[in-house]
Amino acid sequence: MKEINKDVVAIDESLNHHARVCKEIGRTDEQIESYKADQYLNSLQGIDYAPLQYSIDRLKKYRAELENDRQRAETDIYNKFEHYYS
């Protein structure tokens, strides 16, 4: 039986991590857009619901953290490929 190259496993794990982060960014974007739509509808009805803005701000901060994580994951992928092909 052939032994799996550890570099290939490391690359696969890095790619999986990057995919998970990107999916989470997509989910967060959807939540932000949903909350913004709710906020817009509330404003049309003259309702000022402050916790909604707080949730939007919190999600935007979380998304920024995910973007940083995505950048680190991409760097990790490049490093793993560079190590594999060197």
PDB file of N, CA and C in Angstrom:
ATOM      1  N   MET A   1       0.849  -1.182   0.000  1.00  0.00           N
ATOM      2  CA  MET A   1       0.000   0.000   0.000  1.00  0.00           C
ATOM      3  C   MET A   1       0.884   1.230   0.000  1.00  0.00           C
ATOM      4  N   LYS A   2       0.501   2.173  -0.771  1.00  0.00           N
ATOM      5  CA  LYS A   2       1.272   3.393  -0.938  1.00  0.00           C
ATOM      6  C   LYS A   2       1.017   4.367   0.214  1.00  0.00           C
ATOM      7  N   GLU A   3       2.080   4.932   0.738  1.00  0.00           N
ATOM      8  CA  GLU A   3       1.927   5.914   1.817  1.00  0.00           C
ATOM      9  C   GLU A   3       1.551   7.271   1.231  1.00  0.00           C
ATOM     10  N   ILE A   4       0.588   7.907   1.836  1.00  0.00           N
ATOM     11  CA  ILE A   4       0.146   9.222   1.370  1.00  0.00           C
ATOM     12  C   ILE A   4       1.198  10.256   1.747  1.00  0.00           C
ATOM     13  N   ASN A   5       1.559  11.060   0.788  1.00  0.00           N
ATOM     14  CA  ASN A   5       2.545  12.106   1.016  1.00  0.00           C
ATOM     15  C   ASN A   5       1.984  13.117   2.020  1.00  0.00           C
ATOM     16  N   LYS A   6       2.755  13.399   3.055  1.00  0.00           N
ATOM     17  CA  LYS A   6       2.305  14.318   4.103  1.00  0.00           C
ATOM     18  C   LYS A   6       2.074  15.726   3.563  1.00  0.00           C
ATOM     19  N   ASP A   7       2.829  16.099   2.546  1.00  0.00           N
ATOM     20  CA  ASP A   7       2.626  17.423   1.948  1.00  0.00           C
ATOM     21  C   ASP A   7       1.262  17.520   1.276  1.00  0.00           C
ATOM     22  N   VAL A   8       0.849  16.435   0.627  1.00  0.00           N
ATOM     23  CA  VAL A   8      -0.457  16.429  -0.043  1.00  0.00           C
ATOM     24  C   VAL A   8      -1.573  16.551   0.993  1.00  0.00           C
ATOM     25  N   VAL A   9      -1.428  15.862   2.110  1.00  0.00           N
ATOM     26  CA  VAL A   9      -2.426  15.953   3.176  1.00  0.00           C
ATOM     27  C   VAL A   9      -2.464  17.377   3.727  1.00  0.00           C
ATOM     28  N   ALA A  10      -1.299  17.977   3.923  1.00  0.00           N
ATOM     29  CA  ALA A  10      -1.243  19.350   4.440  1.00  0.00           C
ATOM     30  C   ALA A  10      -1.898  20.331   3.466  1.00  0.00           C
ATOM     31  N   ILE A  11      -1.660  20.147   2.181  1.00  0.00           N
ATOM     32  CA  ILE A  11      -2.288  21.005   1.170  1.00  0.00           C
ATOM     33  C   ILE A  11      -3.806  20.830   1.207  1.00  0.00           C
ATOM     34  N   ASP A  12      -4.251  19.581   1.283  1.00  0.00           N
ATOM     35  CA  ASP A  12      -5.688  19.297   1.327  1.00  0.00           C
ATOM     36  C   ASP A  12      -6.339  19.943   2.551  1.00  0.00           C
ATOM     37  N   GLU A  13      -5.699  19.842   3.700  1.00  0.00           N
ATOM     38  CA  GLU A  13      -6.238  20.465   4.912  1.00  0.00           C
ATOM     39  C   GLU A  13      -6.298  21.980   4.778  1.00  0.00           C
ATOM     40  N   SER A  14      -5.273  22.565   4.171  1.00  0.00           N
ATOM     41  CA  SER A  14      -5.262  24.021   3.971  1.00  0.00           C
ATOM     42  C   SER A  14      -6.385  24.455   3.035  1.00  0.00           C
ATOM     43  N   LEU A  15      -6.580  23.693   1.961  1.00  0.00           N
ATOM     44  CA  LEU A  15      -7.654  24.018   1.021  1.00  0.00           C
ATOM     45  C   LEU A  15      -9.029  23.878   1.676  1.00  0.00           C
ATOM     46  N   ASN A  16      -9.194  22.844   2.497  1.00  0.00           N
ATOM     47  CA  ASN A  16     -10.468  22.655   3.203  1.00  0.00           C
ATOM     48  C   ASN A  16     -10.736  23.805   4.174  1.00  0.00           C
ATOM     49  N   HIS A  17      -9.700  24.225   4.881  1.00  0.00           N
ATOM     50  CA  HIS A  17      -9.859  25.349   5.815  1.00  0.00           C
ATOM     51  C   HIS A  17     -10.269  26.607   5.052  1.00  0.00           C
ATOM     52  N   HIS A  18      -9.617  26.856   3.932  1.00  0.00           N
ATOM     53  CA  HIS A  18      -9.940  28.035   3.115  1.00  0.00           C
ATOM     54  C   HIS A  18     -11.395  27.966   2.646  1.00  0.00           C
ATOM     55  N   ALA A  19     -11.838  26.799   2.213  1.00  0.00           N
ATOM     56  CA  ALA A  19     -13.220  26.642   1.741  1.00  0.00           C
ATOM     57  C   ALA A  19     -14.212  26.903   2.870  1.00  0.00           C
ATOM     58  N   ARG A  20     -13.913  26.390   4.072  1.00  0.00           N
ATOM     59  CA  ARG A  20     -14.813  26.613   5.220  1.00  0.00           C
ATOM     60  C   ARG A  20     -14.911  28.108   5.547  1.00  0.00           C
ATOM     61  N   VAL A  21     -13.782  28.802   5.513  1.00  0.00           N
ATOM     62  CA  VAL A  21     -13.785  30.233   5.814  1.00  0.00           C
ATOM     63  C   VAL A  21     -14.588  30.990   4.760  1.00  0.00           C
ATOM     64  N   CYS A  22     -14.403  30.642   3.495  1.00  0.00           N
ATOM     65  CA  CYS A  22     -15.144  31.315   2.422  1.00  0.00           C
ATOM     66  C   CYS A  22     -16.652  31.084   2.545  1.00  0.00           C
ATOM     67  N   LYS A  23     -17.042  29.873   2.917  1.00  0.00           N
ATOM     68  CA  LYS A  23     -18.472  29.590   3.123  1.00  0.00           C
ATOM     69  C   LYS A  23     -19.022  30.414   4.278  1.00  0.00           C
ATOM     70  N   GLU A  24     -18.245  30.545   5.341  1.00  0.00           N
ATOM     71  CA  GLU A  24     -18.683  31.333   6.495  1.00  0.00           C
ATOM     72  C   GLU A  24     -18.803  32.808   6.120  1.00  0.00           C
ATOM     73  N   ILE A  25     -17.900  33.292   5.273  1.00  0.00           N
ATOM     74  CA  ILE A  25     -18.003  34.669   4.796  1.00  0.00           C
ATOM     75  C   ILE A  25     -19.304  34.851   4.024  1.00  0.00           C
ATOM     76  N   GLY A  26     -19.647  33.888   3.181  1.00  0.00           N
ATOM     77  CA  GLY A  26     -20.896  33.954   2.418  1.00  0.00           C
ATOM     78  C   GLY A  26     -22.119  33.972   3.320  1.00  0.00           C
ATOM     79  N   ARG A  27     -22.110  33.111   4.344  1.00  0.00           N
ATOM     80  CA  ARG A  27     -23.241  33.086   5.279  1.00  0.00           C
ATOM     81  C   ARG A  27     -23.353  34.412   6.027  1.00  0.00           C
ATOM     82  N   THR A  28     -22.208  34.961   6.414  1.00  0.00           N
ATOM     83  CA  THR A  28     -22.209  36.234   7.141  1.00  0.00           C
ATOM     84  C   THR A  28     -22.726  37.354   6.254  1.00  0.00           C
ATOM     85  N   ASP A  29     -22.307  37.364   4.998  1.00  0.00           N
ATOM     86  CA  ASP A  29     -22.812  38.373   4.054  1.00  0.00           C
ATOM     87  C   ASP A  29     -24.330  38.284   3.918  1.00  0.00           C
ATOM     88  N   GLU A  30     -24.845  37.062   3.845  1.00  0.00           N
ATOM     89  CA  GLU A  30     -26.294  36.881   3.737  1.00  0.00           C
ATOM     90  C   GLU A  30     -27.012  37.411   4.973  1.00  0.00           C
ATOM     91  N   GLN A  31     -26.441  37.155   6.143  1.00  0.00           N
ATOM     92  CA  GLN A  31     -27.046  37.663   7.383  1.00  0.00           C
ATOM     93  C   GLN A  31     -27.047  39.193   7.396  1.00  0.00           C
ATOM     94  N   ILE A  32     -25.930  39.781   6.992  1.00  0.00           N
ATOM     95  CA  ILE A  32     -25.840  41.247   6.968  1.00  0.00           C
ATOM     96  C   ILE A  32     -26.904  41.816   6.037  1.00  0.00           C
ATOM     97  N   GLU A  33     -27.015  41.253   4.850  1.00  0.00           N
ATOM     98  CA  GLU A  33     -27.997  41.744   3.886  1.00  0.00           C
ATOM     99  C   GLU A  33     -29.425  41.565   4.404  1.00  0.00           C
ATOM    100  N   SER A  34     -29.684  40.464   5.061  1.00  0.00           N
ATOM    101  CA  SER A  34     -31.013  40.226   5.625  1.00  0.00           C
ATOM    102  C   SER A  34     -31.340  41.260   6.704  1.00  0.00           C
ATOM    103  N   TYR A  35     -30.384  41.513   7.584  1.00  0.00           N
ATOM    104  CA  TYR A  35     -30.589  42.503   8.640  1.00  0.00           C
ATOM    105  C   TYR A  35     -30.754  43.909   8.055  1.00  0.00           C
ATOM    106  N   LYS A  36     -29.997  44.214   7.007  1.00  0.00           N
ATOM    107  CA  LYS A  36     -30.140  45.529   6.367  1.00  0.00           C
ATOM    108  C   LYS A  36     -31.521  45.674   5.734  1.00  0.00           C
ATOM    109  N   ALA A  37     -32.023  44.608   5.150  1.00  0.00           N
ATOM    110  CA  ALA A  37     -33.365  44.646   4.560  1.00  0.00           C
ATOM    111  C   ALA A  37     -34.406  44.860   5.650  1.00  0.00           C
ATOM    112  N   ASP A  38     -34.251  44.147   6.772  1.00  0.00           N
ATOM    113  CA  ASP A  38     -35.171  44.341   7.896  1.00  0.00           C
ATOM    114  C   ASP A  38     -35.094  45.777   8.411  1.00  0.00           C
ATOM    115  N   GLN A  39     -33.881  46.288   8.491  1.00  0.00           N
ATOM    116  CA  GLN A  39     -33.686  47.659   8.972  1.00  0.00           C
ATOM    117  C   GLN A  39     -34.361  48.664   8.028  1.00  0.00           C
ATOM    118  N   TYR A  40     -34.244  48.423   6.730  1.00  0.00           N
ATOM    119  CA  TYR A  40     -34.871  49.305   5.749  1.00  0.00           C
ATOM    120  C   TYR A  40     -36.393  49.266   5.889  1.00  0.00           C
ATOM    121  N   LEU A  41     -36.943  48.073   6.017  1.00  0.00           N
ATOM    122  CA  LEU A  41     -38.396  47.951   6.181  1.00  0.00           C
ATOM    123  C   LEU A  41     -38.857  48.631   7.467  1.00  0.00           C
ATOM    124  N   ASN A  42     -38.080  48.490   8.530  1.00  0.00           N
ATOM    125  CA  ASN A  42     -38.416  49.167   9.783  1.00  0.00           C
ATOM    126  C   ASN A  42     -38.383  50.682   9.609  1.00  0.00           C
ATOM    127  N   SER A  43     -37.394  51.174   8.879  1.00  0.00           N
ATOM    128  CA  SER A  43     -37.298  52.629   8.689  1.00  0.00           C
ATOM    129  C   SER A  43     -38.482  53.157   7.883  1.00  0.00           C
ATOM    130  N   LEU A  44     -38.974  52.362   6.938  1.00  0.00           N
ATOM    131  CA  LEU A  44     -40.157  52.770   6.172  1.00  0.00           C
ATOM    132  C   LEU A  44     -41.394  52.871   7.061  1.00  0.00           C
ATOM    133  N   GLN A  45     -41.415  52.058   8.102  1.00  0.00           N
ATOM    134  CA  GLN A  45     -42.548  52.054   9.025  1.00  0.00           C
ATOM    135  C   GLN A  45     -42.326  52.998  10.205  1.00  0.00           C
ATOM    136  N   GLY A  46     -41.182  53.693  10.204  1.00  0.00           N
ATOM    137  CA  GLY A  46     -40.888  54.632  11.276  1.00  0.00           C
ATOM    138  C   GLY A  46     -40.404  53.969  12.556  1.00  0.00           C
ATOM    139  N   ILE A  47     -39.907  52.761  12.438  1.00  0.00           N
ATOM    140  CA  ILE A  47     -39.429  52.027  13.602  1.00  0.00           C
ATOM    141  C   ILE A  47     -37.905  52.134  13.663  1.00  0.00           C
ATOM    142  N   ASP A  48     -37.392  52.545  14.812  1.00  0.00           N
ATOM    143  CA  ASP A  48     -35.943  52.596  15.012  1.00  0.00           C
ATOM    144  C   ASP A  48     -35.573  51.502  16.006  1.00  0.00           C
ATOM    145  N   TYR A  49     -35.098  50.388  15.488  1.00  0.00           N
ATOM    146  CA  TYR A  49     -34.770  49.237  16.326  1.00  0.00           C
ATOM    147  C   TYR A  49     -33.246  49.148  16.437  1.00  0.00           C
ATOM    148  N   ALA A  50     -32.693  49.736  17.490  1.00  0.00           N
ATOM    149  CA  ALA A  50     -31.243  49.852  17.676  1.00  0.00           C
ATOM    150  C   ALA A  50     -30.516  48.508  17.716  1.00  0.00           C
ATOM    151  N   PRO A  51     -31.083  47.468  18.347  1.00  0.00           N
ATOM    152  CA  PRO A  51     -30.360  46.189  18.367  1.00  0.00           C
ATOM    153  C   PRO A  51     -30.057  45.634  16.972  1.00  0.00           C
ATOM    154  N   LEU A  52     -30.874  46.003  15.995  1.00  0.00           N
ATOM    155  CA  LEU A  52     -30.629  45.544  14.633  1.00  0.00           C
ATOM    156  C   LEU A  52     -29.332  46.149  14.094  1.00  0.00           C
ATOM    157  N   GLN A  53     -29.124  47.437  14.340  1.00  0.00           N
ATOM    158  CA  GLN A  53     -27.885  48.082  13.903  1.00  0.00           C
ATOM    159  C   GLN A  53     -26.689  47.486  14.637  1.00  0.00           C
ATOM    160  N   TYR A  54     -26.875  47.194  15.917  1.00  0.00           N
ATOM    161  CA  TYR A  54     -25.803  46.556  16.689  1.00  0.00           C
ATOM    162  C   TYR A  54     -25.439  45.206  16.064  1.00  0.00           C
ATOM    163  N   SER A  55     -26.433  44.432  15.669  1.00  0.00           N
ATOM    164  CA  SER A  55     -26.187  43.130  15.047  1.00  0.00           C
ATOM    165  C   SER A  55     -25.456  43.284  13.717  1.00  0.00           C
ATOM    166  N   ILE A  56     -25.849  44.273  12.940  1.00  0.00           N
ATOM    167  CA  ILE A  56     -25.181  44.522  11.661  1.00  0.00           C
ATOM    168  C   ILE A  56     -23.717  44.883  11.895  1.00  0.00           C
ATOM    169  N   ASP A  57     -23.460  45.771  12.839  1.00  0.00           N
ATOM    170  CA  ASP A  57     -22.082  46.171  13.143  1.00  0.00           C
ATOM    171  C   ASP A  57     -21.253  44.990  13.638  1.00  0.00           C
ATOM    172  N   ARG A  58     -21.855  44.166  14.476  1.00  0.00           N
ATOM    173  CA  ARG A  58     -21.155  42.990  15.010  1.00  0.00           C
ATOM    174  C   ARG A  58     -20.816  42.015  13.883  1.00  0.00           C
ATOM    175  N   LEU A  59     -21.754  41.805  12.975  1.00  0.00           N
ATOM    176  CA  LEU A  59     -21.514  40.904  11.852  1.00  0.00           C
ATOM    177  C   LEU A  59     -20.446  41.456  10.905  1.00  0.00           C
ATOM    178  N   LYS A  60     -20.423  42.770  10.728  1.00  0.00           N
ATOM    179  CA  LYS A  60     -19.393  43.372   9.877  1.00  0.00           C
ATOM    180  C   LYS A  60     -18.006  43.170  10.482  1.00  0.00           C
ATOM    181  N   LYS A  61     -17.903  43.297  11.792  1.00  0.00           N
ATOM    182  CA  LYS A  61     -16.613  43.050  12.460  1.00  0.00           C
ATOM    183  C   LYS A  61     -16.207  41.590  12.315  1.00  0.00           C
ATOM    184  N   TYR A  62     -17.174  40.697  12.491  1.00  0.00           N
ATOM    185  CA  TYR A  62     -16.906  39.270  12.344  1.00  0.00           C
ATOM    186  C   TYR A  62     -16.454  38.950  10.923  1.00  0.00           C
ATOM    187  N   ARG A  63     -17.103  39.594   9.935  1.00  0.00           N
ATOM    188  CA  ARG A  63     -16.737  39.368   8.537  1.00  0.00           C
ATOM    189  C   ARG A  63     -15.310  39.845   8.274  1.00  0.00           C
ATOM    190  N   ALA A  64     -14.927  40.970   8.868  1.00  0.00           N
ATOM    191  CA  ALA A  64     -13.565  41.473   8.711  1.00  0.00           C
ATOM    192  C   ALA A  64     -12.549  40.480   9.292  1.00  0.00           C
ATOM    193  N   GLU A  65     -12.898  39.883  10.427  1.00  0.00           N
ATOM    194  CA  GLU A  65     -12.026  38.863  11.013  1.00  0.00           C
ATOM    195  C   GLU A  65     -11.928  37.646  10.096  1.00  0.00           C
ATOM    196  N   LEU A  66     -13.044  37.267   9.477  1.00  0.00           N
ATOM    197  CA  LEU A  66     -13.034  36.144   8.543  1.00  0.00           C
ATOM    198  C   LEU A  66     -12.182  36.460   7.315  1.00  0.00           C
ATOM    199  N   GLU A  67     -12.234  37.692   6.837  1.00  0.00           N
ATOM    200  CA  GLU A  67     -11.399  38.094   5.698  1.00  0.00           C
ATOM    201  C   GLU A  67      -9.920  37.952   6.049  1.00  0.00           C
ATOM    202  N   ASN A  68      -9.564  38.353   7.265  1.00  0.00           N
ATOM    203  CA  ASN A  68      -8.178  38.182   7.704  1.00  0.00           C
ATOM    204  C   ASN A  68      -7.807  36.706   7.751  1.00  0.00           C
ATOM    205  N   ASP A  69      -8.725  35.890   8.245  1.00  0.00           N
ATOM    206  CA  ASP A  69      -8.486  34.451   8.302  1.00  0.00           C
ATOM    207  C   ASP A  69      -8.352  33.871   6.895  1.00  0.00           C
ATOM    208  N   ARG A  70      -9.158  34.365   5.974  1.00  0.00           N
ATOM    209  CA  ARG A  70      -9.085  33.909   4.578  1.00  0.00           C
ATOM    210  C   ARG A  70      -7.727  34.237   3.978  1.00  0.00           C
ATOM    211  N   GLN A  71      -7.234  35.434   4.256  1.00  0.00           N
ATOM    212  CA  GLN A  71      -5.912  35.825   3.747  1.00  0.00           C
ATOM    213  C   GLN A  71      -4.821  34.923   4.322  1.00  0.00           C
ATOM    214  N   ARG A  72      -4.905  34.633   5.611  1.00  0.00           N
ATOM    215  CA  ARG A  72      -3.921  33.728   6.226  1.00  0.00           C
ATOM    216  C   ARG A  72      -4.018  32.332   5.615  1.00  0.00           C
ATOM    217  N   ALA A  73      -5.238  31.878   5.358  1.00  0.00           N
ATOM    218  CA  ALA A  73      -5.434  30.553   4.756  1.00  0.00           C
ATOM    219  C   ALA A  73      -4.845  30.509   3.350  1.00  0.00           C
ATOM    220  N   GLU A  74      -5.024  31.575   2.572  1.00  0.00           N
ATOM    221  CA  GLU A  74      -4.442  31.623   1.231  1.00  0.00           C
ATOM    222  C   GLU A  74      -2.918  31.598   1.289  1.00  0.00           C
ATOM    223  N   THR A  75      -2.362  32.357   2.219  1.00  0.00           N
ATOM    224  CA  THR A  75      -0.908  32.362   2.385  1.00  0.00           C
ATOM    225  C   THR A  75      -0.419  30.974   2.761  1.00  0.00           C
ATOM    226  N   ASP A  76      -1.159  30.310   3.643  1.00  0.00           N
ATOM    227  CA  ASP A  76      -0.799  28.953   4.056  1.00  0.00           C
ATOM    228  C   ASP A  76      -0.826  27.996   2.861  1.00  0.00           C
ATOM    229  N   ILE A  77      -1.830  28.135   2.010  1.00  0.00           N
ATOM    230  CA  ILE A  77      -1.926  27.283   0.823  1.00  0.00           C
ATOM    231  C   ILE A  77      -0.713  27.501  -0.079  1.00  0.00           C
ATOM    232  N   TYR A  78      -0.393  28.772  -0.340  1.00  0.00           N
ATOM    233  CA  TYR A  78       0.763  29.074  -1.198  1.00  0.00           C
ATOM    234  C   TYR A  78       2.041  28.502  -0.607  1.00  0.00           C
ATOM    235  N   ASN A  79       2.202  28.635   0.695  1.00  0.00           N
ATOM    236  CA  ASN A  79       3.402  28.107   1.352  1.00  0.00           C
ATOM    237  C   ASN A  79       3.474  26.586   1.244  1.00  0.00           C
ATOM    238  N   LYS A  80       2.325  25.929   1.411  1.00  0.00           N
ATOM    239  CA  LYS A  80       2.305  24.463   1.323  1.00  0.00           C
ATOM    240  C   LYS A  80       2.643  23.997  -0.102  1.00  0.00           C
ATOM    241  N   PHE A  81       2.075  24.674  -1.099  1.00  0.00           N
ATOM    242  CA  PHE A  81       2.396  24.319  -2.484  1.00  0.00           C
ATOM    243  C   PHE A  81       3.871  24.594  -2.787  1.00  0.00           C
ATOM    244  N   GLU A  82       4.371  25.700  -2.312  1.00  0.00           N
ATOM    245  CA  GLU A  82       5.777  26.037  -2.536  1.00  0.00           C
ATOM    246  C   GLU A  82       6.684  24.981  -1.917  1.00  0.00           C
ATOM    247  N   HIS A  83       6.338  24.538  -0.703  1.00  0.00           N
ATOM    248  CA  HIS A  83       7.137  23.513  -0.034  1.00  0.00           C
ATOM    249  C   HIS A  83       7.050  22.181  -0.816  1.00  0.00           C
ATOM    250  N   TYR A  84       5.853  21.868  -1.299  1.00  0.00           N
ATOM    251  CA  TYR A  84       5.645  20.611  -2.017  1.00  0.00           C
ATOM    252  C   TYR A  84       6.444  20.573  -3.320  1.00  0.00           C
ATOM    253  N   TYR A  85       6.464  21.687  -4.042  1.00  0.00           N
ATOM    254  CA  TYR A  85       7.126  21.717  -5.339  1.00  0.00           C
ATOM    255  C   TYR A  85       8.585  22.138  -5.288  1.00  0.00           C
ATOM    256  N   SER A  86       9.101  22.415  -4.089  1.00  0.00           N
ATOM    257  CA  SER A  86      10.515  22.807  -4.009  1.00  0.00           C
ATOM    258  C   SER A  86      11.418  21.601  -3.854  1.00  0.00           C
TER     259      SER A  86
END
